[in-house]
Amino acid sequence: MLLVIHAALTWALVGLILTIQLVHYPLFSRVGAGGYAAYQREHITRITWLVAPLMLAELATEAALVLRPPAPLSAASAGLGLVILIWVSTAVAQSPVHGRRTTGFDAALHARLVTTNWLRTVLWLLRGSLVGGWPLLALA
């Protein structure tokens, strides 16, 4: 059952990161200078309530799978490595850029956010590919 829950969490985050990368972040540049700072602050608040519980649950279930791997240990360890890279990217690249953008729109920071977020997007797609078959192991 843990495999199914973990895969569902990962794929929820894959869908979320694709929506953010392909729809939400590109639209930031169209908000307009007058309301941008408030929009950015509200984005941070709202997205945190959505993404934080999912990321924490994904991390917790991945850690549980590493401690008691139903999949090959190397696959569970690779999954944990990808989660760690996602968290590091979030902490080092995306979150600081969001924080610096709360005073107004900055085209260079916007470009940096969109560019660096491709790393998280690819990492979550890799995770989705990795864990996609794990629920089938639960049935075996």
N, C-alpha and C. Protein backbone atom coordinates (compact mmCIF):
# COMPACT_ATOMS: atom_id res chain seq x y z
N MET A 1 0.81 -1.20 0.00
CA MET A 1 0.00 0.00 0.00
C MET A 1 0.86 1.27 0.00
N LEU A 2 2.01 1.19 0.70
CA LEU A 2 2.91 2.34 0.76
C LEU A 2 3.40 2.72 -0.64
N LEU A 3 3.65 1.72 -1.47
CA LEU A 3 4.10 1.99 -2.84
C LEU A 3 3.06 2.77 -3.63
N VAL A 4 1.81 2.42 -3.47
CA VAL A 4 0.72 3.09 -4.18
C VAL A 4 0.59 4.54 -3.69
N ILE A 5 0.62 4.73 -2.37
CA ILE A 5 0.52 6.08 -1.80
C ILE A 5 1.70 6.93 -2.27
N HIS A 6 2.89 6.35 -2.22
CA HIS A 6 4.08 7.08 -2.63
C HIS A 6 4.02 7.47 -4.11
N ALA A 7 3.64 6.54 -4.95
CA ALA A 7 3.54 6.84 -6.39
C ALA A 7 2.48 7.91 -6.64
N ALA A 8 1.36 7.85 -5.92
CA ALA A 8 0.32 8.86 -6.08
C ALA A 8 0.83 10.24 -5.68
N LEU A 9 1.57 10.32 -4.58
CA LEU A 9 2.15 11.59 -4.15
C LEU A 9 3.12 12.14 -5.19
N THR A 10 3.99 11.26 -5.67
CA THR A 10 4.97 11.69 -6.67
C THR A 10 4.29 12.18 -7.92
N TRP A 11 3.29 11.46 -8.40
CA TRP A 11 2.63 11.87 -9.64
C TRP A 11 1.77 13.11 -9.43
N ALA A 12 1.25 13.33 -8.23
CA ALA A 12 0.57 14.60 -7.95
C ALA A 12 1.56 15.75 -8.07
N LEU A 13 2.77 15.55 -7.58
CA LEU A 13 3.80 16.58 -7.67
C LEU A 13 4.31 16.74 -9.10
N VAL A 14 4.37 15.68 -9.86
CA VAL A 14 4.74 15.79 -11.28
C VAL A 14 3.72 16.67 -12.00
N GLY A 15 2.45 16.41 -11.78
CA GLY A 15 1.41 17.23 -12.41
C GLY A 15 1.48 18.68 -11.97
N LEU A 16 1.74 18.89 -10.68
CA LEU A 16 1.84 20.24 -10.16
C LEU A 16 3.04 20.98 -10.75
N ILE A 17 4.20 20.34 -10.80
CA ILE A 17 5.40 21.03 -11.31
C ILE A 17 5.25 21.32 -12.81
N LEU A 18 4.63 20.42 -13.54
CA LEU A 18 4.40 20.69 -14.97
C LEU A 18 3.45 21.87 -15.16
N THR A 19 2.41 21.94 -14.34
CA THR A 19 1.49 23.08 -14.41
C THR A 19 2.20 24.38 -14.07
N ILE A 20 3.00 24.35 -13.02
CA ILE A 20 3.74 25.55 -12.62
C ILE A 20 4.72 25.96 -13.72
N GLN A 21 5.50 25.00 -14.22
CA GLN A 21 6.54 25.31 -15.20
C GLN A 21 5.98 25.77 -16.54
N LEU A 22 4.93 25.11 -17.01
CA LEU A 22 4.44 25.37 -18.36
C LEU A 22 3.31 26.41 -18.42
N VAL A 23 2.63 26.65 -17.29
CA VAL A 23 1.51 27.58 -17.29
C VAL A 23 1.74 28.74 -16.32
N HIS A 24 1.90 28.42 -15.06
CA HIS A 24 1.90 29.42 -14.01
C HIS A 24 3.10 30.37 -14.08
N TYR A 25 4.31 29.84 -14.08
CA TYR A 25 5.48 30.72 -14.11
C TYR A 25 5.54 31.60 -15.36
N PRO A 26 5.26 31.07 -16.53
CA PRO A 26 5.27 31.96 -17.71
C PRO A 26 4.26 33.11 -17.60
N LEU A 27 3.15 32.89 -16.92
CA LEU A 27 2.14 33.95 -16.79
C LEU A 27 2.53 35.03 -15.80
N PHE A 28 3.52 34.78 -14.95
CA PHE A 28 3.99 35.81 -14.01
C PHE A 28 4.35 37.10 -14.75
N SER A 29 4.93 36.97 -15.91
CA SER A 29 5.37 38.15 -16.66
C SER A 29 4.21 38.97 -17.19
N ARG A 30 2.98 38.49 -17.09
CA ARG A 30 1.82 39.19 -17.63
C ARG A 30 0.95 39.83 -16.55
N VAL A 31 1.40 39.78 -15.30
CA VAL A 31 0.59 40.29 -14.20
C VAL A 31 0.46 41.80 -14.25
N GLY A 32 1.51 42.48 -14.59
CA GLY A 32 1.48 43.94 -14.61
C GLY A 32 2.22 44.50 -13.41
N ALA A 33 2.92 45.56 -13.61
CA ALA A 33 3.79 46.14 -12.58
C ALA A 33 3.02 46.57 -11.35
N GLY A 34 1.83 47.12 -11.51
CA GLY A 34 1.09 47.65 -10.39
C GLY A 34 0.72 46.64 -9.32
N GLY A 35 0.35 45.44 -9.73
CA GLY A 35 -0.09 44.44 -8.76
C GLY A 35 0.87 43.28 -8.57
N TYR A 36 2.04 43.38 -9.17
CA TYR A 36 2.92 42.22 -9.17
C TYR A 36 3.39 41.83 -7.77
N ALA A 37 3.83 42.77 -6.96
CA ALA A 37 4.38 42.45 -5.63
C ALA A 37 3.34 41.70 -4.80
N ALA A 38 2.12 42.19 -4.78
CA ALA A 38 1.05 41.53 -4.03
C ALA A 38 0.76 40.14 -4.61
N TYR A 39 0.78 40.05 -5.94
CA TYR A 39 0.54 38.77 -6.60
C TYR A 39 1.62 37.75 -6.20
N GLN A 40 2.87 38.17 -6.19
CA GLN A 40 3.97 37.27 -5.85
C GLN A 40 3.85 36.80 -4.40
N ARG A 41 3.56 37.72 -3.49
CA ARG A 41 3.40 37.33 -2.07
C ARG A 41 2.25 36.34 -1.91
N GLU A 42 1.15 36.61 -2.60
CA GLU A 42 0.00 35.71 -2.52
C GLU A 42 0.33 34.35 -3.15
N HIS A 43 1.09 34.35 -4.23
CA HIS A 43 1.52 33.09 -4.84
C HIS A 43 2.30 32.25 -3.83
N ILE A 44 3.26 32.88 -3.14
CA ILE A 44 4.08 32.16 -2.16
C ILE A 44 3.19 31.53 -1.09
N THR A 45 2.26 32.30 -0.57
CA THR A 45 1.37 31.80 0.49
C THR A 45 0.51 30.65 -0.01
N ARG A 46 -0.13 30.84 -1.14
CA ARG A 46 -1.06 29.81 -1.64
C ARG A 46 -0.35 28.54 -2.10
N ILE A 47 0.76 28.69 -2.80
CA ILE A 47 1.44 27.50 -3.32
C ILE A 47 2.06 26.69 -2.19
N THR A 48 2.49 27.38 -1.12
CA THR A 48 3.07 26.67 0.02
C THR A 48 2.05 25.75 0.67
N TRP A 49 0.82 26.22 0.82
CA TRP A 49 -0.22 25.38 1.41
C TRP A 49 -0.52 24.14 0.56
N LEU A 50 -0.29 24.22 -0.71
CA LEU A 50 -0.52 23.09 -1.61
C LEU A 50 0.69 22.17 -1.69
N VAL A 51 1.86 22.74 -1.94
CA VAL A 51 3.03 21.92 -2.25
C VAL A 51 3.72 21.38 -1.00
N ALA A 52 3.75 22.12 0.08
CA ALA A 52 4.50 21.68 1.27
C ALA A 52 4.01 20.33 1.82
N PRO A 53 2.70 20.16 2.04
CA PRO A 53 2.26 18.85 2.54
C PRO A 53 2.58 17.71 1.59
N LEU A 54 2.44 17.97 0.28
CA LEU A 54 2.75 16.92 -0.70
C LEU A 54 4.23 16.56 -0.68
N MET A 55 5.10 17.59 -0.63
CA MET A 55 6.55 17.33 -0.61
C MET A 55 6.97 16.62 0.68
N LEU A 56 6.40 17.03 1.81
CA LEU A 56 6.73 16.38 3.08
C LEU A 56 6.27 14.92 3.08
N ALA A 57 5.07 14.68 2.56
CA ALA A 57 4.56 13.31 2.50
C ALA A 57 5.38 12.46 1.54
N GLU A 58 5.79 13.04 0.42
CA GLU A 58 6.63 12.31 -0.54
C GLU A 58 7.96 11.95 0.11
N LEU A 59 8.56 12.90 0.81
CA LEU A 59 9.83 12.65 1.50
C LEU A 59 9.67 11.56 2.56
N ALA A 60 8.61 11.63 3.35
CA ALA A 60 8.39 10.65 4.41
C ALA A 60 8.17 9.25 3.84
N THR A 61 7.36 9.15 2.79
CA THR A 61 7.11 7.82 2.22
C THR A 61 8.35 7.28 1.52
N GLU A 62 9.14 8.16 0.90
CA GLU A 62 10.39 7.72 0.27
C GLU A 62 11.36 7.22 1.33
N ALA A 63 11.47 7.93 2.44
CA ALA A 63 12.35 7.49 3.53
C ALA A 63 11.90 6.14 4.07
N ALA A 64 10.60 5.95 4.21
CA ALA A 64 10.07 4.67 4.67
C ALA A 64 10.42 3.55 3.69
N LEU A 65 10.38 3.86 2.40
CA LEU A 65 10.73 2.85 1.39
C LEU A 65 12.21 2.52 1.40
N VAL A 66 13.05 3.48 1.73
CA VAL A 66 14.48 3.20 1.83
C VAL A 66 14.75 2.33 3.05
N LEU A 67 14.04 2.58 4.15
CA LEU A 67 14.24 1.80 5.37
C LEU A 67 13.71 0.37 5.23
N ARG A 68 12.63 0.21 4.48
CA ARG A 68 12.05 -1.11 4.24
C ARG A 68 11.70 -1.24 2.77
N PRO A 69 12.70 -1.44 1.92
CA PRO A 69 12.46 -1.38 0.47
C PRO A 69 11.75 -2.60 -0.09
N PRO A 70 10.52 -2.40 -0.59
CA PRO A 70 9.86 -3.48 -1.31
C PRO A 70 10.39 -3.55 -2.74
N ALA A 71 10.86 -2.41 -3.24
CA ALA A 71 11.53 -2.37 -4.54
C ALA A 71 13.00 -2.64 -4.28
N PRO A 72 13.79 -2.85 -5.32
CA PRO A 72 15.23 -3.00 -5.07
C PRO A 72 15.74 -1.77 -4.30
N LEU A 73 16.62 -2.02 -3.35
CA LEU A 73 17.15 -0.94 -2.52
C LEU A 73 17.77 0.15 -3.38
N SER A 74 18.42 -0.22 -4.46
CA SER A 74 19.04 0.79 -5.32
C SER A 74 18.00 1.74 -5.91
N ALA A 75 16.82 1.21 -6.25
CA ALA A 75 15.76 2.05 -6.80
C ALA A 75 15.22 2.98 -5.72
N ALA A 76 15.03 2.47 -4.51
CA ALA A 76 14.55 3.31 -3.42
C ALA A 76 15.58 4.38 -3.07
N SER A 77 16.85 4.01 -3.08
CA SER A 77 17.91 4.98 -2.79
C SER A 77 18.00 6.04 -3.88
N ALA A 78 17.85 5.63 -5.12
CA ALA A 78 17.84 6.60 -6.23
C ALA A 78 16.66 7.56 -6.07
N GLY A 79 15.52 7.02 -5.68
CA GLY A 79 14.35 7.87 -5.45
C GLY A 79 14.60 8.88 -4.35
N LEU A 80 15.23 8.45 -3.27
CA LEU A 80 15.55 9.37 -2.18
C LEU A 80 16.56 10.42 -2.65
N GLY A 81 17.53 10.02 -3.44
CA GLY A 81 18.50 10.97 -3.99
C GLY A 81 17.82 12.04 -4.82
N LEU A 82 16.84 11.64 -5.63
CA LEU A 82 16.11 12.61 -6.44
C LEU A 82 15.29 13.56 -5.57
N VAL A 83 14.67 13.03 -4.51
CA VAL A 83 13.91 13.88 -3.59
C VAL A 83 14.84 14.91 -2.95
N ILE A 84 16.00 14.47 -2.53
CA ILE A 84 16.96 15.39 -1.90
C ILE A 84 17.38 16.47 -2.89
N LEU A 85 17.66 16.09 -4.13
CA LEU A 85 18.03 17.09 -5.15
C LEU A 85 16.90 18.09 -5.38
N ILE A 86 15.67 17.63 -5.38
CA ILE A 86 14.52 18.53 -5.55
C ILE A 86 14.46 19.52 -4.39
N TRP A 87 14.62 19.01 -3.16
CA TRP A 87 14.57 19.88 -1.99
C TRP A 87 15.71 20.90 -2.02
N VAL A 88 16.90 20.45 -2.41
CA VAL A 88 18.04 21.37 -2.47
C VAL A 88 17.80 22.43 -3.54
N SER A 89 17.30 22.04 -4.69
CA SER A 89 17.00 23.00 -5.75
C SER A 89 15.97 24.01 -5.27
N THR A 90 14.94 23.54 -4.59
CA THR A 90 13.91 24.43 -4.07
C THR A 90 14.51 25.43 -3.09
N ALA A 91 15.33 24.94 -2.17
CA ALA A 91 15.90 25.80 -1.13
C ALA A 91 16.95 26.75 -1.66
N VAL A 92 17.75 26.29 -2.62
CA VAL A 92 18.89 27.09 -3.09
C VAL A 92 18.54 27.97 -4.28
N ALA A 93 17.68 27.50 -5.16
CA ALA A 93 17.41 28.25 -6.40
C ALA A 93 16.04 28.91 -6.42
N GLN A 94 14.96 28.16 -6.27
CA GLN A 94 13.63 28.72 -6.49
C GLN A 94 13.13 29.58 -5.34
N SER A 95 13.20 29.10 -4.10
CA SER A 95 12.68 29.88 -2.97
C SER A 95 13.35 31.24 -2.82
N PRO A 96 14.68 31.33 -2.90
CA PRO A 96 15.30 32.65 -2.80
C PRO A 96 14.85 33.61 -3.91
N VAL A 97 14.66 33.11 -5.11
CA VAL A 97 14.21 33.96 -6.20
C VAL A 97 12.80 34.47 -5.91
N HIS A 98 11.93 33.59 -5.43
CA HIS A 98 10.58 34.03 -5.08
C HIS A 98 10.64 35.12 -4.01
N GLY A 99 11.49 34.94 -3.02
CA GLY A 99 11.62 35.93 -1.96
C GLY A 99 12.09 37.28 -2.46
N ARG A 100 12.99 37.27 -3.42
CA ARG A 100 13.53 38.52 -3.98
C ARG A 100 12.52 39.20 -4.90
N ARG A 101 11.50 38.49 -5.32
CA ARG A 101 10.53 39.05 -6.27
C ARG A 101 9.31 39.66 -5.59
N THR A 102 9.27 39.69 -4.26
CA THR A 102 8.08 40.19 -3.57
C THR A 102 7.99 41.71 -3.59
N THR A 103 9.00 42.40 -4.09
CA THR A 103 8.96 43.85 -4.17
C THR A 103 8.53 44.34 -5.55
N GLY A 104 8.46 43.46 -6.51
CA GLY A 104 8.04 43.84 -7.85
C GLY A 104 8.61 42.92 -8.90
N PHE A 105 8.14 43.06 -10.10
CA PHE A 105 8.59 42.20 -11.20
C PHE A 105 9.99 42.58 -11.63
N ASP A 106 10.82 41.58 -11.86
CA ASP A 106 12.18 41.75 -12.36
C ASP A 106 12.36 40.71 -13.45
N ALA A 107 12.54 41.15 -14.67
CA ALA A 107 12.62 40.23 -15.82
C ALA A 107 13.76 39.24 -15.68
N ALA A 108 14.90 39.68 -15.17
CA ALA A 108 16.05 38.78 -15.02
C ALA A 108 15.76 37.70 -13.97
N LEU A 109 15.14 38.09 -12.85
CA LEU A 109 14.79 37.10 -11.83
C LEU A 109 13.71 36.15 -12.34
N HIS A 110 12.78 36.69 -13.11
CA HIS A 110 11.73 35.84 -13.68
C HIS A 110 12.36 34.78 -14.60
N ALA A 111 13.28 35.21 -15.45
CA ALA A 111 13.96 34.27 -16.36
C ALA A 111 14.74 33.24 -15.56
N ARG A 112 15.39 33.68 -14.49
CA ARG A 112 16.16 32.75 -13.65
C ARG A 112 15.24 31.72 -13.00
N LEU A 113 14.08 32.16 -12.52
CA LEU A 113 13.13 31.24 -11.91
C LEU A 113 12.67 30.19 -12.90
N VAL A 114 12.26 30.63 -14.07
CA VAL A 114 11.76 29.70 -15.09
C VAL A 114 12.87 28.73 -15.51
N THR A 115 14.08 29.25 -15.70
CA THR A 115 15.20 28.41 -16.13
C THR A 115 15.60 27.39 -15.06
N THR A 116 15.78 27.86 -13.82
CA THR A 116 16.21 26.93 -12.77
C THR A 116 15.12 25.93 -12.41
N ASN A 117 13.86 26.31 -12.61
CA ASN A 117 12.78 25.38 -12.28
C ASN A 117 12.72 24.19 -13.22
N TRP A 118 13.36 24.30 -14.38
CA TRP A 118 13.43 23.14 -15.27
C TRP A 118 14.14 21.98 -14.59
N LEU A 119 15.10 22.27 -13.71
CA LEU A 119 15.79 21.19 -12.98
C LEU A 119 14.79 20.42 -12.14
N ARG A 120 13.97 21.13 -11.36
CA ARG A 120 12.97 20.44 -10.54
C ARG A 120 11.98 19.68 -11.42
N THR A 121 11.59 20.28 -12.53
CA THR A 121 10.65 19.63 -13.43
C THR A 121 11.21 18.30 -13.93
N VAL A 122 12.44 18.32 -14.39
CA VAL A 122 13.08 17.10 -14.89
C VAL A 122 13.27 16.08 -13.76
N LEU A 123 13.69 16.54 -12.60
CA LEU A 123 13.88 15.62 -11.47
C LEU A 123 12.57 14.94 -11.08
N TRP A 124 11.46 15.69 -11.05
CA TRP A 124 10.19 15.06 -10.72
C TRP A 124 9.71 14.14 -11.84
N LEU A 125 9.99 14.47 -13.08
CA LEU A 125 9.65 13.55 -14.17
C LEU A 125 10.46 12.24 -14.04
N LEU A 126 11.72 12.37 -13.66
CA LEU A 126 12.53 11.17 -13.42
C LEU A 126 11.96 10.35 -12.27
N ARG A 127 11.56 11.04 -11.20
CA ARG A 127 10.95 10.34 -10.07
C ARG A 127 9.66 9.64 -10.51
N GLY A 128 8.85 10.35 -11.28
CA GLY A 128 7.61 9.73 -11.75
C GLY A 128 7.87 8.48 -12.56
N SER A 129 8.88 8.53 -13.41
CA SER A 129 9.26 7.35 -14.20
C SER A 129 9.76 6.23 -13.30
N LEU A 130 10.54 6.60 -12.30
CA LEU A 130 11.11 5.61 -11.39
C LEU A 130 10.03 4.90 -10.58
N VAL A 131 9.11 5.67 -10.00
CA VAL A 131 8.12 5.08 -9.10
C VAL A 131 6.88 4.60 -9.81
N GLY A 132 6.77 4.89 -11.11
CA GLY A 132 5.57 4.53 -11.85
C GLY A 132 5.21 3.07 -11.80
N GLY A 133 6.21 2.21 -11.81
CA GLY A 133 5.93 0.77 -11.78
C GLY A 133 5.90 0.17 -10.40
N TRP A 134 6.26 0.95 -9.39
CA TRP A 134 6.31 0.41 -8.03
C TRP A 134 4.98 -0.13 -7.51
N PRO A 135 3.84 0.51 -7.81
CA PRO A 135 2.58 -0.07 -7.31
C PRO A 135 2.33 -1.49 -7.82
N LEU A 136 2.87 -1.80 -9.00
CA LEU A 136 2.71 -3.16 -9.53
C LEU A 136 3.44 -4.17 -8.64
N LEU A 137 4.52 -3.73 -8.00
CA LEU A 137 5.22 -4.62 -7.08
C LEU A 137 4.35 -4.97 -5.88
N ALA A 138 3.50 -4.05 -5.48
CA ALA A 138 2.59 -4.30 -4.35
C ALA A 138 1.59 -5.40 -4.69
N LEU A 139 1.28 -5.53 -5.97
CA LEU A 139 0.32 -6.55 -6.39
C LEU A 139 0.97 -7.92 -6.54
N ALA A 140 2.29 -7.93 -6.70
CA ALA A 140 3.00 -9.20 -6.94
C ALA A 140 3.17 -10.02 -5.67
